[in-house]
């Protein structure tokens, strides 16, 4: 674990107490600056598009009405999200080697640049290969110039154990270090996702998940002891002050008590080690049934790393760029068995036949709701991590982050990549104005990548190909 600055002020901020206590401590202990938490970026990649009328809010820019069915898992988080419409994956549409096909856009989703000529395995045809660092990697490398982090970024994924993203070179990655390797066919310089959550645990905490986590428990206890110390100092100070100042002291003491309760009730406050479900068969055929557990373990691990400030950038692939072989038995028996177009009823098969009948439509909507529910879980978990906001008030990790769920397709049955169904959450330090639905007029997606850069403190006028312009208008607060 990265070493932590155990100064009095940083401990208060780390415990989540900085925003409540530092203004008063500044006057009484000579401290002048207000603690701020770091910004983070977390991107979830999904695939196969959505059913449009079950996804986009209708004439509801302020999200005052109930969200459409696919987005319904986000209902309690409406004030924290931006639903985006009218954004096209234009760099993929224009690519010399592309087909405007959602299964072939892995090299474009986070890069926005003409690809190198790669080989589409099994089809004997060219396919684009990423030819620039993806935006998450660019931001992670920028952060390295100013901040020492144990892990510049985390690249996580869920395998379907059968024909997953490991098998296709052009569909294997979401993150890329830089230009393609070689030529005709080129190979992506991709960052392979870690599929094993237990390996992630060991990597982050340098211990096996069965190892005694007493050291981390001791850190939590130390944070509580710091709060106790601050409370005792304030109580002694109050004895020497007048009535007005005593009232201020009592108000801040109540803040200390409130934070103590938060430390008791919310394990995610401050640096912590997550609890993983043991022995989940992530790498075996029966692991299909455990995809929800694997997904949530990866999210928990990434947020633990961010809480400990080990990393500030993460991506999660759910599951590959076509989701062939991804049956969804946790949604019911009808989400398994023989497929209508393909051998099994996997996510890919359900998508191809989504318009065939009312039952096909219902299954497709239910499947997409599940993917959105993983995004909702991420948002909920971030909102449980108490941190100082950019203005010094008490907030959450979500307030200091931008997270996104980015589908690699629009209409999955047609493999289209126009009007991409994407959602953002978090203001990233008051950069984004949330609680809205924004519809653009065929805006290139590069403008969103630029917004990620600018929000994370890496100013850019463009990302990928400059011909696609700068930041999307209307996103900022």
Protein backbone atom coordinates (compact mmCIF):
# COMPACT_ATOMS: atom_id res chain seq x y z
CA UNK A 1 0.00 0.00 0.00
CA UNK A 2 1.23 3.50 -0.79
CA UNK A 3 2.70 5.37 2.15
CA UNK A 4 0.33 7.88 3.73
CA UNK A 5 1.16 11.35 5.07
CA UNK A 6 0.16 11.14 8.71
CA UNK A 7 0.22 14.85 9.46
CA UNK A 8 -2.61 16.10 11.66
CA UNK A 9 -4.30 17.91 8.76
CA UNK A 10 -4.01 15.06 6.24
CA UNK A 11 -5.35 12.56 8.75
CA UNK A 12 -8.40 14.74 9.31
CA UNK A 13 -8.98 14.99 5.58
CA UNK A 14 -8.34 11.27 5.10
CA UNK A 15 -10.90 10.47 7.78
CA UNK A 16 -13.47 12.60 6.01
CA UNK A 17 -13.36 15.21 8.75
CA UNK A 18 -11.39 17.86 6.92
CA UNK A 19 -14.33 19.77 5.49
CA UNK A 20 -16.13 19.97 8.82
CA UNK A 21 -13.17 20.75 11.07
CA UNK A 22 -10.46 22.50 9.08
CA UNK A 23 -12.10 25.96 8.97
CA UNK A 24 -12.14 26.12 12.77
CA UNK A 25 -8.75 24.44 13.16
CA UNK A 26 -7.32 26.98 10.72
CA UNK A 27 -8.25 29.76 13.15
CA UNK A 28 -7.02 27.98 16.27
CA UNK A 29 -4.04 25.95 15.04
CA UNK A 30 -2.57 28.10 12.27
CA UNK A 31 -3.79 25.98 9.35
CA UNK A 32 -4.80 27.95 6.27
CA UNK A 33 -5.71 25.59 3.45
CA UNK A 34 -8.84 23.50 3.10
CA UNK A 35 -8.42 19.81 2.30
CA UNK A 36 -9.59 18.61 -1.09
CA UNK A 37 -9.92 15.06 -2.34
CA UNK A 38 -8.40 13.89 -5.64
CA UNK A 39 -10.42 13.56 -8.84
CA UNK A 40 -11.07 10.10 -10.32
CA UNK A 41 -12.18 8.61 -13.64
CA UNK A 42 -13.99 5.26 -13.87
CA UNK A 43 -15.35 3.95 -17.19
CA UNK A 44 -17.52 0.85 -17.64
CA UNK A 45 -17.66 -0.56 -21.19
CA UNK A 46 -20.67 -2.56 -22.32
CA UNK A 47 -21.89 -3.62 -25.76
CA UNK A 48 -24.82 -4.54 -28.03
CA UNK A 49 -26.66 -1.23 -27.76
CA UNK A 50 -30.15 -0.62 -26.39
CA UNK A 51 -33.77 -0.29 -27.44
CA UNK A 52 -34.03 3.45 -27.99
CA UNK A 53 -37.54 4.14 -26.67
CA UNK A 54 -36.73 2.26 -23.45
CA UNK A 55 -33.52 4.18 -22.85
CA UNK A 56 -33.68 7.90 -23.66
CA UNK A 57 -35.83 10.29 -21.64
CA UNK A 58 -38.50 11.92 -23.82
CA UNK A 59 -38.62 15.73 -23.72
CA UNK A 60 -37.27 15.70 -20.18
CA UNK A 61 -33.99 17.69 -20.10
CA UNK A 62 -34.15 18.17 -16.32
CA UNK A 63 -35.04 14.54 -15.59
CA UNK A 64 -38.20 15.41 -13.71
CA UNK A 65 -40.10 12.34 -14.93
CA UNK A 66 -39.38 8.69 -14.04
CA UNK A 67 -36.48 7.37 -16.07
CA UNK A 68 -37.20 4.97 -18.96
CA UNK A 69 -37.12 1.29 -18.10
CA UNK A 70 -33.52 0.50 -19.06
CA UNK A 71 -32.29 3.44 -16.99
CA UNK A 72 -34.63 2.73 -14.07
CA UNK A 73 -31.81 1.37 -11.84
CA UNK A 74 -30.52 4.98 -11.84
CA UNK A 75 -33.78 6.52 -10.62
CA UNK A 76 -32.46 7.28 -7.13
CA UNK A 77 -29.36 8.86 -8.68
CA UNK A 78 -31.07 11.17 -11.18
CA UNK A 79 -29.54 14.29 -9.65
CA UNK A 80 -26.09 12.77 -10.12
CA UNK A 81 -26.22 11.77 -13.81
CA UNK A 82 -26.16 13.16 -17.34
CA UNK A 83 -27.93 11.08 -20.00
CA UNK A 84 -26.26 11.76 -23.35
CA UNK A 85 -27.91 11.46 -26.75
CA UNK A 86 -27.02 12.35 -30.33
CA UNK A 87 -23.34 11.43 -30.02
CA UNK A 88 -21.85 9.39 -32.89
CA UNK A 89 -18.71 7.28 -32.94
CA UNK A 90 -17.67 9.27 -35.99
CA UNK A 91 -14.01 8.26 -36.02
CA UNK A 92 -15.08 4.62 -36.39
CA UNK A 93 -17.65 5.47 -39.06
CA UNK A 94 -14.95 7.29 -41.04
CA UNK A 95 -12.21 4.70 -40.48
CA UNK A 96 -10.60 3.37 -43.67
CA UNK A 97 -10.44 -0.14 -42.22
CA UNK A 98 -13.72 -0.09 -40.36
CA UNK A 99 -17.22 -1.20 -41.23
CA UNK A 100 -19.23 1.12 -39.03
CA UNK A 101 -19.92 -1.98 -36.95
CA UNK A 102 -20.28 -1.92 -33.16
CA UNK A 103 -18.31 -5.16 -32.82
CA UNK A 104 -15.28 -3.58 -34.53
CA UNK A 105 -14.98 -0.30 -32.64
CA UNK A 106 -12.85 -1.38 -29.67
CA UNK A 107 -9.97 0.70 -30.98
CA UNK A 108 -12.14 3.82 -31.24
CA UNK A 109 -14.24 3.97 -28.09
CA UNK A 110 -11.62 5.75 -25.97
CA UNK A 111 -9.25 6.99 -28.70
CA UNK A 112 -11.22 8.77 -31.47
CA UNK A 113 -8.56 8.37 -34.17
CA UNK A 114 -8.18 6.58 -37.52
CA UNK A 115 -6.99 3.06 -36.78
CA UNK A 116 -4.12 1.07 -38.20
CA UNK A 117 -4.91 -1.86 -40.49
CA UNK A 118 -5.53 -4.93 -38.37
CA UNK A 119 -6.96 -8.37 -39.03
CA UNK A 120 -10.49 -9.35 -38.07
CA UNK A 121 -9.93 -12.90 -36.90
CA UNK A 122 -12.20 -15.47 -38.53
CA UNK A 123 -13.45 -13.09 -41.22
CA UNK A 124 -10.33 -12.71 -43.39
CA UNK A 125 -10.80 -8.97 -43.63
CA UNK A 126 -9.23 -5.79 -42.31
CA UNK A 127 -10.35 -4.16 -39.08
CA UNK A 128 -9.16 -1.00 -37.32
CA UNK A 129 -6.58 -1.26 -34.56
CA UNK A 130 -6.18 1.51 -31.99
CA UNK A 131 -3.37 3.86 -33.03
CA UNK A 132 -3.11 6.23 -30.07
CA UNK A 133 -3.19 5.98 -26.27
CA UNK A 134 -6.74 5.71 -24.97
CA UNK A 135 -7.99 8.65 -22.94
CA UNK A 136 -7.84 6.77 -19.64
CA UNK A 137 -4.17 5.92 -20.21
CA UNK A 138 -3.34 9.46 -21.30
CA UNK A 139 -4.91 10.83 -18.10
CA UNK A 140 -3.15 8.21 -15.98
CA UNK A 141 0.21 9.14 -17.50
CA UNK A 142 -0.50 12.84 -16.94
CA UNK A 143 -1.25 12.19 -13.28
CA UNK A 144 2.14 10.47 -12.94
CA UNK A 145 3.82 13.79 -13.68
CA UNK A 146 2.29 15.40 -10.59
CA UNK A 147 1.33 12.59 -8.20
CA UNK A 148 2.99 9.44 -6.94
CA UNK A 149 0.44 6.65 -7.19
CA UNK A 150 1.07 2.96 -6.58
CA UNK A 151 -0.92 2.11 -9.73
CA UNK A 152 -1.43 4.74 -12.45
CA UNK A 153 -4.55 2.88 -13.58
CA UNK A 154 -6.52 -0.33 -13.21
CA UNK A 155 -7.88 -2.31 -16.18
CA UNK A 156 -10.46 -4.83 -15.02
CA UNK A 157 -12.72 -7.22 -16.88
CA UNK A 158 -15.18 -10.08 -16.62
CA UNK A 159 -14.61 -13.16 -18.75
CA UNK A 160 -17.43 -15.23 -20.21
CA UNK A 161 -15.19 -18.32 -19.99
CA UNK A 162 -16.07 -19.47 -23.53
CA UNK A 163 -15.48 -17.05 -26.41
CA UNK A 164 -14.52 -13.98 -24.45
CA UNK A 165 -12.50 -10.93 -25.34
CA UNK A 166 -9.21 -12.83 -25.00
CA UNK A 167 -9.80 -14.57 -28.33
CA UNK A 168 -10.00 -11.63 -30.76
CA UNK A 169 -7.03 -9.29 -31.10
CA UNK A 170 -9.14 -6.36 -32.32
CA UNK A 171 -11.78 -6.80 -29.58
CA UNK A 172 -9.59 -7.69 -26.67
CA UNK A 173 -9.00 -4.33 -25.05
CA UNK A 174 -10.61 -1.11 -23.96
CA UNK A 175 -7.37 0.61 -22.91
CA UNK A 176 -4.33 1.25 -25.11
CA UNK A 177 -0.84 2.46 -24.26
CA UNK A 178 -0.16 4.09 -27.62
CA UNK A 179 0.19 3.58 -31.38
CA UNK A 180 -0.34 0.18 -32.98
CA UNK A 181 2.54 -2.27 -33.22
CA UNK A 182 3.86 -3.24 -36.64
CA UNK A 183 1.85 -3.00 -39.86
CA UNK A 184 -0.39 -5.00 -42.22
CA UNK A 185 -1.76 -6.37 -40.07
CA UNK A 186 -0.95 -4.18 -37.11
CA UNK A 187 -1.43 -5.32 -33.55
CA UNK A 188 -2.84 -3.13 -30.76
CA UNK A 189 -0.59 -2.01 -27.94
CA UNK A 190 -3.44 -2.83 -25.60
CA UNK A 191 -3.56 -3.14 -21.85
CA UNK A 192 -4.98 -6.59 -21.12
CA UNK A 193 -7.71 -6.54 -18.51
CA UNK A 194 -7.27 -8.44 -15.27
CA UNK A 195 -10.11 -10.97 -15.07
CA UNK A 196 -9.24 -12.51 -11.69
CA UNK A 197 -10.52 -10.38 -8.78
CA UNK A 198 -8.38 -12.29 -6.29
CA UNK A 199 -5.26 -11.34 -8.24
CA UNK A 200 -6.41 -7.72 -8.11
CA UNK A 201 -6.72 -7.98 -4.33
CA UNK A 202 -3.19 -9.34 -4.02
CA UNK A 203 -1.86 -6.67 -6.36
CA UNK A 204 -3.47 -3.85 -4.42
CA UNK A 205 -2.88 -4.97 -0.86
CA UNK A 206 0.17 -7.20 -1.35
CA UNK A 207 -1.54 -9.94 0.65
CA UNK A 208 -3.68 -12.96 -0.05
CA UNK A 209 -7.36 -12.28 0.59
CA UNK A 210 -7.27 -14.86 3.39
CA UNK A 211 -4.50 -12.94 5.16
CA UNK A 212 -5.39 -11.24 8.41
CA UNK A 213 -6.46 -7.68 7.58
CA UNK A 214 -5.73 -6.41 11.09
CA UNK A 215 -3.38 -3.73 9.77
CA UNK A 216 -6.20 -2.10 7.83
CA UNK A 217 -8.49 -2.39 10.82
CA UNK A 218 -5.79 -0.63 12.84
CA UNK A 219 -5.73 2.20 10.31
CA UNK A 220 -9.48 2.69 10.72
CA UNK A 221 -9.05 2.68 14.49
CA UNK A 222 -6.28 5.28 14.16
CA UNK A 223 -8.62 7.56 12.20
CA UNK A 224 -11.17 7.27 15.02
CA UNK A 225 -8.49 8.08 17.59
CA UNK A 226 -7.58 11.24 15.67
CA UNK A 227 -11.22 12.31 15.81
CA UNK A 228 -11.27 11.60 19.54
CA UNK A 229 -8.13 13.72 19.97
CA UNK A 230 -9.64 16.62 18.03
CA UNK A 231 -12.82 16.36 20.09
CA UNK A 232 -10.89 16.47 23.37
CA UNK A 233 -8.86 19.49 22.23
CA UNK A 234 -12.03 21.32 21.27
CA UNK A 235 -13.74 20.56 24.57
CA UNK A 236 -10.76 22.02 26.48
CA UNK A 237 -10.72 25.04 24.20
CA UNK A 238 -14.44 25.64 24.78
CA UNK A 239 -13.85 26.09 28.51
CA UNK A 240 -11.83 29.26 27.79
CA UNK A 241 -14.21 30.84 25.25
CA UNK A 242 -17.30 32.99 25.43
CA UNK A 243 -20.86 31.88 24.76
CA UNK A 244 -20.78 32.55 20.99
CA UNK A 245 -17.50 30.75 20.47
CA UNK A 246 -18.68 27.89 22.68
CA UNK A 247 -21.67 27.42 20.41
CA UNK A 248 -19.35 27.21 17.40
CA UNK A 249 -17.21 24.66 19.21
CA UNK A 250 -20.29 22.60 20.09
CA UNK A 251 -21.41 22.67 16.46
CA UNK A 252 -18.04 21.36 15.30
CA UNK A 253 -18.00 18.74 18.04
CA UNK A 254 -21.33 17.53 16.69
CA UNK A 255 -19.65 17.30 13.28
CA UNK A 256 -16.99 15.08 14.86
CA UNK A 257 -19.67 12.87 16.40
CA UNK A 258 -21.48 12.66 13.05
CA UNK A 259 -18.28 11.55 11.33
CA UNK A 260 -17.66 8.96 14.03
CA UNK A 261 -21.10 7.54 13.29
CA UNK A 262 -20.25 7.52 9.58
CA UNK A 263 -17.07 5.58 10.31
CA UNK A 264 -19.15 3.05 12.21
CA UNK A 265 -21.90 2.80 9.59
CA UNK A 266 -19.94 3.12 6.35
CA UNK A 267 -16.88 0.93 6.03
CA UNK A 268 -15.99 2.70 2.80
CA UNK A 269 -15.06 5.94 4.56
CA UNK A 270 -11.34 6.46 4.08
CA UNK A 271 -8.82 3.76 3.16
CA UNK A 272 -10.20 0.26 3.51
CA UNK A 273 -9.85 -3.30 2.31
CA UNK A 274 -12.96 -4.78 0.64
CA UNK A 275 -14.41 -8.13 1.58
CA UNK A 276 -14.47 -10.51 -1.40
CA UNK A 277 -16.71 -13.54 -1.82
CA UNK A 278 -14.28 -16.47 -1.65
CA UNK A 279 -13.89 -19.22 -4.24
CA UNK A 280 -16.01 -17.72 -7.02
CA UNK A 281 -15.17 -19.76 -10.19
CA UNK A 282 -14.28 -16.74 -12.31
CA UNK A 283 -12.30 -18.84 -14.84
CA UNK A 284 -14.56 -21.87 -15.24
CA UNK A 285 -17.70 -22.47 -17.35
CA UNK A 286 -19.90 -22.36 -14.25
CA UNK A 287 -18.54 -18.88 -13.66
CA UNK A 288 -21.18 -17.60 -16.09
CA UNK A 289 -23.69 -17.72 -13.24
CA UNK A 290 -21.33 -15.66 -11.07
CA UNK A 291 -20.78 -12.73 -13.43
CA UNK A 292 -22.71 -10.38 -11.08
CA UNK A 293 -20.45 -11.28 -8.16
CA UNK A 294 -17.29 -10.93 -10.25
CA UNK A 295 -18.42 -7.56 -11.59
CA UNK A 296 -19.15 -6.22 -8.13
CA UNK A 297 -15.90 -7.52 -6.68
CA UNK A 298 -14.00 -5.64 -9.39
CA UNK A 299 -15.95 -2.46 -8.66
CA UNK A 300 -15.34 -2.83 -4.93
CA UNK A 301 -11.63 -3.38 -5.50
CA UNK A 302 -11.27 -0.37 -7.77
CA UNK A 303 -13.07 1.88 -5.29
CA UNK A 304 -10.95 0.58 -2.43
CA UNK A 305 -7.85 1.46 -4.43
CA UNK A 306 -9.25 4.93 -5.10
CA UNK A 307 -10.19 5.41 -1.43
CA UNK A 308 -6.61 4.59 -0.47
CA UNK A 309 -5.37 6.87 -3.29
CA UNK A 310 -3.49 3.99 -4.88
CA UNK A 311 -5.02 4.89 -8.25
CA UNK A 312 -7.35 7.49 -9.74
CA UNK A 313 -8.21 5.87 -13.08
CA UNK A 314 -10.02 2.59 -13.75
CA UNK A 315 -11.86 0.80 -16.56
CA UNK A 316 -14.11 -2.25 -16.43
CA UNK A 317 -15.09 -4.38 -19.45
CA UNK A 318 -18.54 -6.04 -19.26
CA UNK A 319 -17.87 -8.46 -20.95
CA UNK A 320 -16.52 -8.19 -24.54
CA UNK A 321 -17.40 -6.35 -27.74
CA UNK A 322 -20.11 -8.78 -28.81
CA UNK A 323 -20.93 -10.72 -25.63
CA UNK A 324 -21.07 -13.98 -27.53
CA UNK A 325 -21.40 -16.79 -25.01
CA UNK A 326 -22.67 -14.46 -22.29
CA UNK A 327 -25.85 -16.08 -21.09
CA UNK A 328 -27.49 -14.43 -18.11
CA UNK A 329 -28.94 -17.21 -15.93
CA UNK A 330 -29.18 -14.92 -12.89
CA UNK A 331 -32.05 -13.16 -14.69
CA UNK A 332 -34.08 -16.38 -15.06
CA UNK A 333 -34.28 -19.61 -17.02
CA UNK A 334 -35.48 -17.85 -20.18
CA UNK A 335 -32.07 -16.16 -20.44
CA UNK A 336 -30.36 -19.47 -21.19
CA UNK A 337 -30.96 -22.42 -23.50
CA UNK A 338 -31.17 -22.58 -27.27
CA UNK A 339 -30.84 -19.34 -29.16
CA UNK A 340 -33.01 -18.02 -31.96
CA UNK A 341 -30.19 -17.08 -34.33
CA UNK A 342 -27.11 -18.45 -32.62
CA UNK A 343 -26.59 -21.79 -30.84
CA UNK A 344 -27.33 -20.40 -27.37
CA UNK A 345 -29.47 -17.58 -26.02
CA UNK A 346 -26.64 -15.29 -25.05
CA UNK A 347 -26.61 -11.50 -24.91
CA UNK A 348 -25.60 -11.38 -28.58
CA UNK A 349 -28.47 -13.63 -29.66
CA UNK A 350 -31.01 -11.69 -27.59
CA UNK A 351 -29.81 -8.46 -29.19
CA UNK A 352 -30.11 -9.72 -32.76
CA UNK A 353 -33.72 -10.77 -32.19
CA UNK A 354 -34.80 -7.90 -29.93
CA UNK A 355 -37.55 -6.80 -32.33
CA UNK A 356 -38.96 -10.23 -33.13
CA UNK A 357 -41.68 -10.28 -30.47
CA UNK A 358 -42.80 -8.72 -27.20
CA UNK A 359 -40.93 -11.43 -25.29
CA UNK A 360 -37.74 -10.78 -27.22
CA UNK A 361 -38.05 -7.07 -26.52
CA UNK A 362 -38.67 -7.69 -22.82
CA UNK A 363 -35.60 -9.92 -22.53
CA UNK A 364 -33.40 -7.36 -24.24
CA UNK A 365 -34.64 -4.58 -21.95
CA UNK A 366 -34.14 -6.76 -18.87
CA UNK A 367 -30.59 -7.58 -19.95
CA UNK A 368 -29.69 -3.93 -20.50
CA UNK A 369 -31.21 -2.98 -17.15
CA UNK A 370 -28.80 -5.40 -15.54
CA UNK A 371 -25.79 -3.73 -17.15
CA UNK A 372 -27.09 -0.34 -16.01
CA UNK A 373 -27.56 -1.78 -12.52
CA UNK A 374 -23.80 -2.33 -12.33
CA UNK A 375 -23.32 1.35 -13.07
CA UNK A 376 -25.89 2.16 -10.38
CA UNK A 377 -23.95 -0.04 -7.93
CA UNK A 378 -20.77 1.90 -8.72
CA UNK A 379 -22.55 5.21 -8.12
CA UNK A 380 -24.06 3.99 -4.85
CA UNK A 381 -20.70 2.74 -3.60
CA UNK A 382 -18.99 6.02 -4.45
CA UNK A 383 -21.68 7.98 -2.62
CA UNK A 384 -20.87 6.03 0.55
CA UNK A 385 -17.26 7.26 0.59
CA UNK A 386 -17.23 10.49 2.59
CA UNK A 387 -14.79 13.12 1.32
CA UNK A 388 -14.33 16.90 1.24
CA UNK A 389 -15.80 18.50 -1.89
CA UNK A 390 -14.09 21.10 -4.05
CA UNK A 391 -15.79 23.92 -2.09
CA UNK A 392 -14.66 22.51 1.26
CA UNK A 393 -18.03 21.15 2.31
CA UNK A 394 -18.53 17.52 3.20
CA UNK A 395 -19.35 15.37 0.17
CA UNK A 396 -18.61 11.99 -1.35
CA UNK A 397 -16.18 10.34 -3.74
CA UNK A 398 -18.80 10.70 -6.49
CA UNK A 399 -18.67 14.48 -6.09
CA UNK A 400 -14.96 14.34 -6.90
CA UNK A 401 -15.23 11.85 -9.77
CA UNK A 402 -16.57 11.38 -13.27
CA UNK A 403 -17.81 7.89 -14.06
CA UNK A 404 -19.34 6.69 -17.30
CA UNK A 405 -21.06 3.68 -18.80
CA UNK A 406 -20.18 3.61 -22.50
CA UNK A 407 -21.90 1.09 -24.76
CA UNK A 408 -19.92 0.13 -27.87
CA UNK A 409 -23.13 0.06 -29.92
CA UNK A 410 -26.37 1.95 -30.35
CA UNK A 411 -28.93 -0.33 -32.02
CA UNK A 412 -27.35 -3.69 -31.33
CA UNK A 413 -29.47 -5.56 -33.86
CA UNK A 414 -28.24 -3.25 -36.61
CA UNK A 415 -24.70 -2.90 -35.20
CA UNK A 416 -25.02 0.88 -35.53
CA UNK A 417 -22.68 3.36 -33.85
CA UNK A 418 -24.70 6.56 -34.17
CA UNK A 419 -26.61 8.04 -31.22
CA UNK A 420 -24.59 6.14 -28.65
CA UNK A 421 -26.42 5.34 -25.37
CA UNK A 422 -24.05 6.73 -22.76
CA UNK A 423 -24.50 8.05 -19.24
CA UNK A 424 -22.15 10.07 -17.04
CA UNK A 425 -22.30 10.47 -13.27
CA UNK A 426 -20.49 12.70 -10.81
CA UNK A 427 -19.54 16.35 -11.12
CA UNK A 428 -15.75 15.75 -10.86
CA UNK A 429 -15.18 18.67 -8.53
CA UNK A 430 -18.06 20.79 -9.83
CA UNK A 431 -16.89 20.48 -13.44
CA UNK A 432 -20.01 18.74 -14.80
CA UNK A 433 -23.57 19.91 -14.23
CA UNK A 434 -25.53 16.76 -13.45
CA UNK A 435 -29.24 15.95 -13.20
CA UNK A 436 -29.87 16.43 -16.91
CA UNK A 437 -30.47 14.81 -20.28
CA UNK A 438 -28.57 16.41 -23.19
CA UNK A 439 -29.19 15.62 -26.86
CA UNK A 440 -26.68 16.67 -29.49
CA UNK A 441 -26.99 16.76 -33.28
CA UNK A 442 -24.63 14.00 -34.42
CA UNK A 443 -21.70 15.26 -32.34
CA UNK A 444 -18.45 13.26 -32.66
CA UNK A 445 -17.70 11.40 -29.47
CA UNK A 446 -14.24 12.94 -29.30
CA UNK A 447 -15.86 15.90 -27.53
CA UNK A 448 -16.65 13.65 -24.58
CA UNK A 449 -13.06 12.38 -24.42
CA UNK A 450 -11.90 16.00 -24.33
CA UNK A 451 -14.28 16.65 -21.43
CA UNK A 452 -12.77 13.74 -19.48
CA UNK A 453 -9.31 15.26 -19.98
CA UNK A 454 -10.33 18.76 -18.95
CA UNK A 455 -12.32 17.61 -15.93
CA UNK A 456 -9.38 15.51 -14.71
CA UNK A 457 -6.96 18.42 -14.91
CA UNK A 458 -5.29 17.63 -18.24
CA UNK A 459 -6.41 20.53 -20.45
CA UNK A 460 -6.95 19.58 -24.09
CA UNK A 461 -8.44 21.33 -27.10
CA UNK A 462 -9.08 17.99 -28.80
CA UNK A 463 -8.52 14.28 -28.29
CA UNK A 464 -7.78 11.85 -31.09
CA UNK A 465 -8.30 13.51 -34.46
CA UNK A 466 -8.46 17.31 -34.15
CA UNK A 467 -10.90 17.54 -37.06
CA UNK A 468 -13.66 16.31 -34.75
CA UNK A 469 -13.39 19.40 -32.57
CA UNK A 470 -13.20 20.16 -28.89
CA UNK A 471 -15.25 19.54 -25.76
CA UNK A 472 -18.96 18.90 -26.12
CA UNK A 473 -20.86 22.08 -25.22
CA UNK A 474 -23.25 22.22 -22.30
CA UNK A 475 -21.57 19.69 -20.00
CA UNK A 476 -20.06 22.10 -17.50
CA UNK A 477 -21.60 23.56 -14.40
